[in-house]
């Protein structure tokens, strides 16, 4: 009788595995007192050994777990792999899959068996500079936030670079990471006065200067701000150092001060949802938001595949290449729509790694400027922009706003037009610069 019961149970186990568990094969059944392959003895309930046909892994599982209602309805998932090829990192994100060098124990892995959403850590080989990550990284974090190489990573997200490349194709002139006088030194009192109903403890963490991802000073008479929002603007993420409440509150603050203090039209403050790094998701989101300020027909002419492909390139690597080909840091900054200080940081790092020929002294000399009267001979020469600022009696931010944004021409009428507050400070500024009205700042070659 015992033998018959055992045989009947084996037949039932085999039938249920093959009929209910798609993608699995029955291997063997073990009953109370039997010895398992790992040497353990079955104590109370039978054990079924099954094999997942996709990954070939075998493991033991109890019948009541294997055949519960939930698994019968949804299908049993293999705990050893991603389940199917269509669920693998190799299929869903081949670019990241190709960068996986090994697991955190240094063992080679098959990316066709790995889920892109697992918490396991892996070492990655940068697809731009071939350097292996200094420490293993969690795969789901790399998938959601993209891989940032410690050697050549530029600190700018792929979604931001994607938007920048789209704007460049459209011929739109913009500035990155733009701070304004009205967005500087935002303290707790200023935030409270906005009336956004933000908790005081949250406000304490959100003071300081607010910078905006993209600023378009003049597009058909519009002043436009574009903010690109990644996953951390919609979901909690410990990597940013902020809670979701803090991140969303900061977004509200930035938008409110741009509209109230910066006099940006609410319809020209654009927030692009890039919570997913998927190409089609980002493309659709970019088009959806940009059509609020741009003609949809123009947006349809953008080569989004090209823009996305170019967004994968490290701006740090590109700055090294441009410098090694004879460009100055100031020229690289203009070409890449970035601040010169950021470019200099990139070049310094490149020199440390032996990737760029950067020489700070030579670069400073190369970036010397001279000031000329328009149409007349040179009257004054400076060794640096800082010397020019001192000569004019103004700060760098003032120069950029009132002179740099006017193609480096000192124009009293332009300055008056740009002034937003008619106070003693601005009166003094106009008085300082009006004696140089018509001067143009020219960088020497």
Protein backbone atom coordinates (compact mmCIF):
# COMPACT_ATOMS: atom_id res chain seq x y z
CA UNK A 1 0.00 0.00 0.00
CA UNK A 2 2.78 2.42 0.97
CA UNK A 3 4.52 1.75 -2.37
CA UNK A 4 1.28 2.35 -4.25
CA UNK A 5 0.66 5.63 -2.40
CA UNK A 6 4.19 6.73 -3.16
CA UNK A 7 3.86 5.84 -6.85
CA UNK A 8 0.48 7.58 -7.05
CA UNK A 9 1.94 10.71 -5.47
CA UNK A 10 4.87 10.69 -7.91
CA UNK A 11 2.47 10.35 -10.86
CA UNK A 12 0.37 13.25 -9.53
CA UNK A 13 3.45 15.40 -8.94
CA UNK A 14 4.72 14.76 -12.45
CA UNK A 15 1.31 15.40 -14.02
CA UNK A 16 0.77 18.66 -12.14
CA UNK A 17 4.25 20.00 -12.89
CA UNK A 18 3.92 19.26 -16.59
CA UNK A 19 0.30 20.44 -16.93
CA UNK A 20 0.26 23.48 -14.63
CA UNK A 21 3.85 24.74 -14.52
CA UNK A 22 4.62 25.88 -18.05
CA UNK A 23 8.34 25.96 -18.74
CA UNK A 24 9.25 23.50 -15.96
CA UNK A 25 10.08 19.80 -15.99
CA UNK A 26 9.55 17.24 -13.25
CA UNK A 27 12.79 15.68 -11.93
CA UNK A 28 12.01 13.66 -8.80
CA UNK A 29 9.86 13.44 -5.66
CA UNK A 30 11.15 13.02 -2.10
CA UNK A 31 9.09 11.87 0.86
CA UNK A 32 9.53 11.88 4.63
CA UNK A 33 12.79 10.14 5.49
CA UNK A 34 14.29 10.44 2.00
CA UNK A 35 17.71 12.06 1.57
CA UNK A 36 17.85 15.16 -0.63
CA UNK A 37 20.75 15.83 -3.08
CA UNK A 38 22.27 18.28 -0.58
CA UNK A 39 22.35 15.57 2.13
CA UNK A 40 19.40 16.88 4.15
CA UNK A 41 16.59 14.53 5.24
CA UNK A 42 12.94 15.30 4.42
CA UNK A 43 11.23 15.89 7.77
CA UNK A 44 7.50 16.56 7.44
CA UNK A 45 6.14 17.20 3.95
CA UNK A 46 7.13 15.80 0.55
CA UNK A 47 9.50 17.73 -1.69
CA UNK A 48 9.41 17.94 -5.47
CA UNK A 49 12.58 18.61 -7.44
CA UNK A 50 11.87 20.59 -10.64
CA UNK A 51 13.95 21.95 -13.48
CA UNK A 52 13.39 25.30 -15.19
CA UNK A 53 13.74 24.60 -18.90
CA UNK A 54 14.92 28.14 -19.77
CA UNK A 55 17.86 28.44 -17.38
CA UNK A 56 18.41 24.72 -16.69
CA UNK A 57 18.54 25.24 -12.89
CA UNK A 58 17.12 22.56 -10.58
CA UNK A 59 15.76 23.18 -7.10
CA UNK A 60 13.47 21.72 -4.43
CA UNK A 61 9.99 23.02 -3.61
CA UNK A 62 7.05 21.80 -1.52
CA UNK A 63 3.89 20.73 -3.42
CA UNK A 64 1.64 23.06 -1.35
CA UNK A 65 3.85 26.02 -2.37
CA UNK A 66 4.16 24.91 -5.96
CA UNK A 67 0.47 24.33 -6.53
CA UNK A 68 -1.18 27.07 -4.48
CA UNK A 69 -3.96 29.12 -6.12
CA UNK A 70 -1.78 32.14 -6.76
CA UNK A 71 0.90 30.17 -8.64
CA UNK A 72 -1.71 28.22 -10.61
CA UNK A 73 -3.39 31.49 -11.63
CA UNK A 74 -0.33 33.65 -12.38
CA UNK A 75 2.24 30.98 -13.14
CA UNK A 76 5.20 29.86 -11.04
CA UNK A 77 8.29 32.05 -11.39
CA UNK A 78 11.77 30.61 -11.33
CA UNK A 79 13.68 32.01 -8.32
CA UNK A 80 17.02 31.39 -10.04
CA UNK A 81 16.59 33.58 -13.13
CA UNK A 82 14.42 36.21 -14.85
CA UNK A 83 11.97 33.60 -16.17
CA UNK A 84 12.14 34.18 -19.92
CA UNK A 85 14.43 35.82 -22.45
CA UNK A 86 11.91 38.65 -22.92
CA UNK A 87 12.26 39.48 -19.20
CA UNK A 88 16.06 39.58 -19.26
CA UNK A 89 18.38 42.59 -19.16
CA UNK A 90 19.91 41.23 -22.38
CA UNK A 91 16.57 41.68 -24.17
CA UNK A 92 15.21 44.78 -22.42
CA UNK A 93 18.39 46.84 -22.17
CA UNK A 94 21.21 45.32 -24.27
CA UNK A 95 23.42 48.40 -23.86
CA UNK A 96 23.61 47.96 -20.09
CA UNK A 97 23.79 44.17 -20.46
CA UNK A 98 26.91 44.54 -22.59
CA UNK A 99 28.58 46.56 -19.83
CA UNK A 100 28.14 43.88 -17.14
CA UNK A 101 31.61 42.48 -16.49
CA UNK A 102 30.95 40.09 -13.58
CA UNK A 103 28.96 39.71 -10.36
CA UNK A 104 30.21 41.08 -7.04
CA UNK A 105 32.10 37.82 -6.39
CA UNK A 106 34.00 38.24 -9.65
CA UNK A 107 32.12 35.41 -11.41
CA UNK A 108 31.06 35.66 -15.06
CA UNK A 109 27.29 35.94 -15.59
CA UNK A 110 24.82 35.16 -18.36
CA UNK A 111 22.85 38.37 -18.98
CA UNK A 112 20.08 36.35 -20.64
CA UNK A 113 19.18 35.02 -17.17
CA UNK A 114 19.30 38.31 -15.25
CA UNK A 115 16.27 40.48 -14.53
CA UNK A 116 16.87 44.24 -15.05
CA UNK A 117 15.01 44.94 -11.80
CA UNK A 118 17.02 42.72 -9.45
CA UNK A 119 18.94 44.08 -6.47
CA UNK A 120 22.07 42.00 -7.13
CA UNK A 121 25.29 43.97 -7.65
CA UNK A 122 27.63 43.73 -10.63
CA UNK A 123 30.85 45.31 -11.86
CA UNK A 124 30.42 47.30 -15.07
CA UNK A 125 32.83 48.09 -17.89
CA UNK A 126 32.25 51.61 -19.23
CA UNK A 127 31.26 51.50 -22.89
CA UNK A 128 33.06 54.79 -23.52
CA UNK A 129 36.39 54.58 -21.72
CA UNK A 130 36.58 50.80 -20.98
CA UNK A 131 37.28 51.35 -17.27
CA UNK A 132 35.70 48.88 -14.85
CA UNK A 133 33.61 50.36 -12.02
CA UNK A 134 35.55 50.91 -8.81
CA UNK A 135 32.91 48.97 -6.87
CA UNK A 136 29.90 46.77 -7.76
CA UNK A 137 26.62 48.60 -8.40
CA UNK A 138 23.01 47.46 -8.01
CA UNK A 139 21.59 46.59 -11.42
CA UNK A 140 18.12 48.09 -10.88
CA UNK A 141 19.71 51.44 -9.94
CA UNK A 142 21.88 51.43 -13.07
CA UNK A 143 18.81 50.59 -15.19
CA UNK A 144 16.69 53.34 -13.65
CA UNK A 145 19.34 56.08 -13.42
CA UNK A 146 21.83 54.99 -16.10
CA UNK A 147 25.47 54.10 -15.56
CA UNK A 148 27.76 56.85 -14.36
CA UNK A 149 31.44 56.08 -14.85
CA UNK A 150 33.73 57.33 -12.08
CA UNK A 151 36.36 58.15 -14.71
CA UNK A 152 34.49 59.72 -17.61
CA UNK A 153 30.99 60.37 -16.18
CA UNK A 154 29.98 64.00 -16.72
CA UNK A 155 27.39 64.22 -13.95
CA UNK A 156 24.59 65.07 -16.41
CA UNK A 157 21.71 62.64 -16.80
CA UNK A 158 20.87 61.03 -20.14
CA UNK A 159 17.36 62.60 -20.14
CA UNK A 160 18.90 66.08 -19.77
CA UNK A 161 21.37 65.43 -22.57
CA UNK A 162 18.56 64.01 -24.71
CA UNK A 163 16.52 67.22 -24.29
CA UNK A 164 19.62 69.31 -25.00
CA UNK A 165 20.31 67.44 -28.25
CA UNK A 166 16.69 67.91 -29.36
CA UNK A 167 16.93 71.67 -28.70
CA UNK A 168 20.22 71.84 -30.61
CA UNK A 169 18.63 70.17 -33.64
CA UNK A 170 15.84 72.76 -33.47
CA UNK A 171 18.41 75.58 -33.45
CA UNK A 172 17.23 76.82 -30.06
CA UNK A 173 19.84 78.79 -28.09
CA UNK A 174 19.82 77.81 -24.43
CA UNK A 175 21.86 77.83 -21.23
CA UNK A 176 22.28 74.87 -18.89
CA UNK A 177 22.04 74.83 -15.09
CA UNK A 178 21.02 78.47 -15.08
CA UNK A 179 20.89 80.43 -11.80
CA UNK A 180 19.29 83.89 -11.67
CA UNK A 181 19.61 86.84 -9.32
CA UNK A 182 16.02 86.17 -8.23
CA UNK A 183 16.77 82.47 -7.57
CA UNK A 184 19.87 83.05 -5.40
CA UNK A 185 19.98 82.83 -1.61
CA UNK A 186 16.45 81.47 -1.23
CA UNK A 187 16.01 81.27 2.55
CA UNK A 188 13.27 79.91 4.82
CA UNK A 189 11.47 83.25 5.01
CA UNK A 190 11.29 83.59 1.21
CA UNK A 191 9.98 80.04 0.86
CA UNK A 192 7.34 80.55 3.57
CA UNK A 193 6.17 83.74 1.86
CA UNK A 194 5.37 81.75 -1.30
CA UNK A 195 2.37 80.24 0.50
CA UNK A 196 2.86 76.71 -0.79
CA UNK A 197 1.93 75.04 2.50
CA UNK A 198 5.25 73.21 2.82
CA UNK A 199 6.17 71.80 6.24
CA UNK A 200 8.77 73.87 8.13
CA UNK A 201 11.09 70.87 8.59
CA UNK A 202 11.06 70.31 4.84
CA UNK A 203 11.69 74.00 4.13
CA UNK A 204 14.86 73.90 6.26
CA UNK A 205 16.38 71.42 3.80
CA UNK A 206 15.46 73.32 0.63
CA UNK A 207 17.16 76.68 1.06
CA UNK A 208 19.93 78.04 -1.19
CA UNK A 209 20.35 78.96 -4.85
CA UNK A 210 17.97 77.36 -7.33
CA UNK A 211 19.36 76.42 -10.75
CA UNK A 212 17.25 75.46 -13.75
CA UNK A 213 18.11 72.69 -16.22
CA UNK A 214 17.53 74.82 -19.35
CA UNK A 215 16.89 78.51 -19.88
CA UNK A 216 15.87 79.90 -23.27
CA UNK A 217 16.12 83.69 -23.06
CA UNK A 218 14.35 84.54 -26.28
CA UNK A 219 12.37 82.17 -28.48
CA UNK A 220 9.91 84.17 -30.56
CA UNK A 221 9.62 86.66 -27.72
CA UNK A 222 9.21 83.99 -25.04
CA UNK A 223 11.41 83.42 -21.99
CA UNK A 224 11.32 79.69 -21.33
CA UNK A 225 12.52 77.46 -18.50
CA UNK A 226 12.68 73.69 -18.97
CA UNK A 227 13.06 71.25 -16.07
CA UNK A 228 13.75 67.56 -16.77
CA UNK A 229 12.33 65.31 -14.06
CA UNK A 230 13.83 61.86 -13.53
CA UNK A 231 12.43 58.99 -11.48
CA UNK A 232 13.35 60.59 -8.12
CA UNK A 233 10.79 63.35 -8.76
CA UNK A 234 8.00 60.72 -8.66
CA UNK A 235 9.28 57.94 -6.39
CA UNK A 236 11.26 57.74 -3.17
CA UNK A 237 14.97 57.22 -3.80
CA UNK A 238 17.73 57.24 -1.21
CA UNK A 239 20.43 58.08 -3.79
CA UNK A 240 19.42 61.74 -4.10
CA UNK A 241 19.62 62.49 -0.38
CA UNK A 242 16.04 63.78 -0.43
CA UNK A 243 12.70 62.19 0.32
CA UNK A 244 9.97 62.24 -2.32
CA UNK A 245 8.15 64.96 -0.31
CA UNK A 246 11.30 67.11 -0.29
CA UNK A 247 11.92 66.62 -4.02
CA UNK A 248 8.34 67.48 -4.96
CA UNK A 249 8.36 70.49 -2.62
CA UNK A 250 11.58 71.74 -4.21
CA UNK A 251 9.95 71.45 -7.66
CA UNK A 252 7.04 73.58 -6.43
CA UNK A 253 9.41 76.19 -4.98
CA UNK A 254 11.44 76.46 -8.18
CA UNK A 255 8.35 76.87 -10.32
CA UNK A 256 6.74 79.39 -7.97
CA UNK A 257 9.77 81.68 -7.68
CA UNK A 258 10.32 81.50 -11.46
CA UNK A 259 6.76 82.74 -12.03
CA UNK A 260 6.53 85.27 -9.17
CA UNK A 261 10.13 86.54 -8.92
CA UNK A 262 11.42 85.78 -12.40
CA UNK A 263 8.23 86.82 -14.19
CA UNK A 264 8.25 83.63 -16.29
CA UNK A 265 4.87 82.92 -17.89
CA UNK A 266 3.36 79.77 -16.33
CA UNK A 267 2.76 78.32 -19.82
CA UNK A 268 6.46 78.80 -20.58
CA UNK A 269 7.67 76.86 -17.52
CA UNK A 270 8.02 73.34 -18.93
CA UNK A 271 8.44 70.20 -16.82
CA UNK A 272 9.31 67.05 -18.77
CA UNK A 273 8.52 63.65 -17.24
CA UNK A 274 11.53 61.39 -17.78
CA UNK A 275 10.89 58.98 -14.93
CA UNK A 276 11.64 56.09 -17.30
CA UNK A 277 14.93 55.95 -19.21
CA UNK A 278 13.21 54.09 -22.06
CA UNK A 279 13.79 55.83 -25.43
CA UNK A 280 10.15 55.85 -26.59
CA UNK A 281 8.87 57.02 -23.20
CA UNK A 282 11.30 59.96 -23.11
CA UNK A 283 10.72 60.84 -26.77
CA UNK A 284 6.93 60.95 -26.33
CA UNK A 285 7.24 62.97 -23.13
CA UNK A 286 9.64 65.49 -24.70
CA UNK A 287 7.35 65.97 -27.72
CA UNK A 288 4.27 66.29 -25.52
CA UNK A 289 5.77 69.09 -23.41
CA UNK A 290 7.74 70.95 -26.09
CA UNK A 291 4.69 71.25 -28.35
CA UNK A 292 3.32 73.67 -25.74
CA UNK A 293 5.92 76.19 -26.91
CA UNK A 294 7.00 74.88 -30.33
CA UNK A 295 5.18 73.97 -33.54
CA UNK A 296 4.34 70.24 -33.55
CA UNK A 297 5.36 69.98 -37.23
CA UNK A 298 8.86 71.20 -36.34
CA UNK A 299 9.07 68.60 -33.56
CA UNK A 300 8.14 65.86 -36.03
CA UNK A 301 11.24 66.73 -38.09
CA UNK A 302 13.64 66.04 -35.21
CA UNK A 303 15.84 62.95 -35.59
CA UNK A 304 15.13 61.56 -32.11
CA UNK A 305 17.22 58.44 -32.63
CA UNK A 306 20.25 60.61 -33.42
CA UNK A 307 19.53 62.88 -30.43
CA UNK A 308 19.22 59.89 -28.11
CA UNK A 309 22.36 58.25 -29.48
CA UNK A 310 24.36 61.44 -28.97
CA UNK A 311 22.96 61.77 -25.45
CA UNK A 312 24.75 58.53 -24.51
CA UNK A 313 28.12 60.20 -25.07
CA UNK A 314 30.02 61.58 -22.12
CA UNK A 315 30.46 65.35 -22.31
CA UNK A 316 33.59 64.90 -20.22
CA UNK A 317 35.12 62.63 -22.87
CA UNK A 318 34.04 65.05 -25.58
CA UNK A 319 35.67 67.97 -23.76
CA UNK A 320 38.96 66.01 -23.57
CA UNK A 321 38.78 65.30 -27.28
CA UNK A 322 38.01 68.92 -28.20
CA UNK A 323 40.84 70.24 -26.00
CA UNK A 324 43.33 67.74 -27.41
CA UNK A 325 42.28 68.92 -30.89
CA UNK A 326 43.23 72.51 -30.10
CA UNK A 327 40.08 74.07 -28.60
CA UNK A 328 40.29 76.35 -25.57
CA UNK A 329 38.18 75.76 -22.47
CA UNK A 330 36.08 78.84 -23.23
CA UNK A 331 35.37 77.59 -26.76
CA UNK A 332 34.47 74.12 -25.48
CA UNK A 333 32.10 75.69 -22.95
CA UNK A 334 30.30 77.56 -25.74
CA UNK A 335 30.21 74.49 -28.01
CA UNK A 336 28.70 72.28 -25.29
CA UNK A 337 26.43 74.94 -23.77
CA UNK A 338 28.09 74.56 -20.38
CA UNK A 339 29.88 76.78 -17.89
CA UNK A 340 33.61 77.19 -18.38
CA UNK A 341 34.23 76.21 -14.74
CA UNK A 342 32.56 72.82 -15.36
CA UNK A 343 34.67 72.29 -18.49
CA UNK A 344 37.86 73.15 -16.59
CA UNK A 345 36.91 70.53 -13.97
CA UNK A 346 36.50 67.94 -16.73
CA UNK A 347 39.88 68.87 -18.25
CA UNK A 348 41.65 68.71 -14.88
CA UNK A 349 40.26 65.19 -14.34
CA UNK A 350 41.31 64.21 -17.86
CA UNK A 351 44.85 65.42 -17.18
CA UNK A 352 44.98 63.36 -13.96
CA UNK A 353 43.94 60.26 -15.91
CA UNK A 354 46.32 61.01 -18.76
CA UNK A 355 43.41 61.48 -21.17
CA UNK A 356 43.71 65.21 -21.87
CA UNK A 357 46.71 67.46 -22.49
CA UNK A 358 45.26 70.17 -20.28
CA UNK A 359 47.66 72.78 -18.95
CA UNK A 360 45.92 75.33 -16.72
CA UNK A 361 48.49 78.09 -17.30
CA UNK A 362 48.48 77.66 -21.07
CA UNK A 363 44.67 77.60 -21.09
CA UNK A 364 44.46 80.81 -19.06
CA UNK A 365 46.83 82.50 -21.48
CA UNK A 366 44.85 81.16 -24.43
CA UNK A 367 41.68 82.63 -22.95
CA UNK A 368 43.09 86.14 -22.59
CA UNK A 369 40.71 88.82 -23.74
CA UNK A 370 41.05 92.35 -25.04
CA UNK A 371 38.51 95.14 -25.06
CA UNK A 372 38.03 97.20 -28.18
CA UNK A 373 35.82 100.12 -29.12
CA UNK A 374 33.58 98.97 -31.95
CA UNK A 375 35.21 100.08 -35.19
CA UNK A 376 38.23 101.66 -33.42
CA UNK A 377 41.66 100.51 -32.22
CA UNK A 378 42.33 98.53 -29.08
CA UNK A 379 42.52 100.69 -25.97
CA UNK A 380 43.00 98.19 -23.17
CA UNK A 381 44.27 94.61 -22.81
CA UNK A 382 43.59 92.21 -19.97
CA UNK A 383 45.15 88.89 -18.99
CA UNK A 384 41.91 87.34 -17.75
CA UNK A 385 38.19 87.91 -17.50
CA UNK A 386 38.61 88.56 -13.78
CA UNK A 387 40.85 91.53 -14.61
CA UNK A 388 38.12 92.84 -16.89
CA UNK A 389 35.50 92.47 -14.15
CA UNK A 390 37.71 94.48 -11.78
CA UNK A 391 38.28 97.15 -14.42
CA UNK A 392 34.54 97.53 -14.96
CA UNK A 393 33.81 97.27 -11.24
CA UNK A 394 31.28 94.44 -11.58
CA UNK A 395 30.88 90.79 -10.61
CA UNK A 396 31.05 87.86 -13.03
CA UNK A 397 27.27 87.25 -12.74
CA UNK A 398 26.57 90.87 -13.67
CA UNK A 399 28.88 90.65 -16.68
CA UNK A 400 27.18 87.49 -17.92
CA UNK A 401 23.68 88.94 -17.56
CA UNK A 402 24.18 92.43 -18.96
CA UNK A 403 27.12 91.99 -21.34
CA UNK A 404 27.71 88.30 -22.07
CA UNK A 405 24.06 87.75 -23.03
CA UNK A 406 24.36 90.66 -25.50
CA UNK A 407 27.16 88.97 -27.48
CA UNK A 408 29.81 90.61 -25.27
CA UNK A 409 28.76 94.13 -26.25
CA UNK A 410 28.31 96.84 -23.61
CA UNK A 411 25.02 98.47 -24.59
CA UNK A 412 23.32 100.90 -22.20
CA UNK A 413 19.89 100.38 -23.78
CA UNK A 414 20.21 96.58 -23.49
CA UNK A 415 21.17 96.90 -19.81
CA UNK A 416 18.21 99.16 -19.06
CA UNK A 417 15.90 96.67 -20.79
CA UNK A 418 17.31 93.76 -18.73
CA UNK A 419 17.02 95.54 -15.37
CA UNK A 420 14.05 94.14 -13.41
CA UNK A 421 14.35 96.38 -10.31
CA UNK A 422 14.82 100.12 -10.48
CA UNK A 423 16.80 100.57 -7.25
CA UNK A 424 20.04 102.28 -6.27
CA UNK A 425 22.07 99.18 -7.07
CA UNK A 426 20.92 99.09 -10.69
CA UNK A 427 21.32 102.84 -11.03
CA UNK A 428 24.95 102.51 -9.91
CA UNK A 429 25.45 99.65 -12.38
CA UNK A 430 24.15 101.71 -15.31
CA UNK A 431 26.30 104.62 -14.24
CA UNK A 432 29.41 102.41 -14.14
CA UNK A 433 28.87 100.93 -17.58
CA UNK A 434 27.45 103.79 -19.59
CA UNK A 435 30.96 105.33 -20.04
CA UNK A 436 31.88 102.13 -21.94
CA UNK A 437 28.73 102.15 -24.06
CA UNK A 438 29.51 100.55 -27.42
CA UNK A 439 32.59 98.63 -26.24
CA UNK A 440 32.87 95.02 -27.35
CA UNK A 441 34.76 92.29 -25.47
CA UNK A 442 36.78 90.18 -27.90
CA UNK A 443 38.72 87.08 -26.91
CA UNK A 444 42.18 86.98 -28.44
CA UNK A 445 43.17 83.98 -30.58
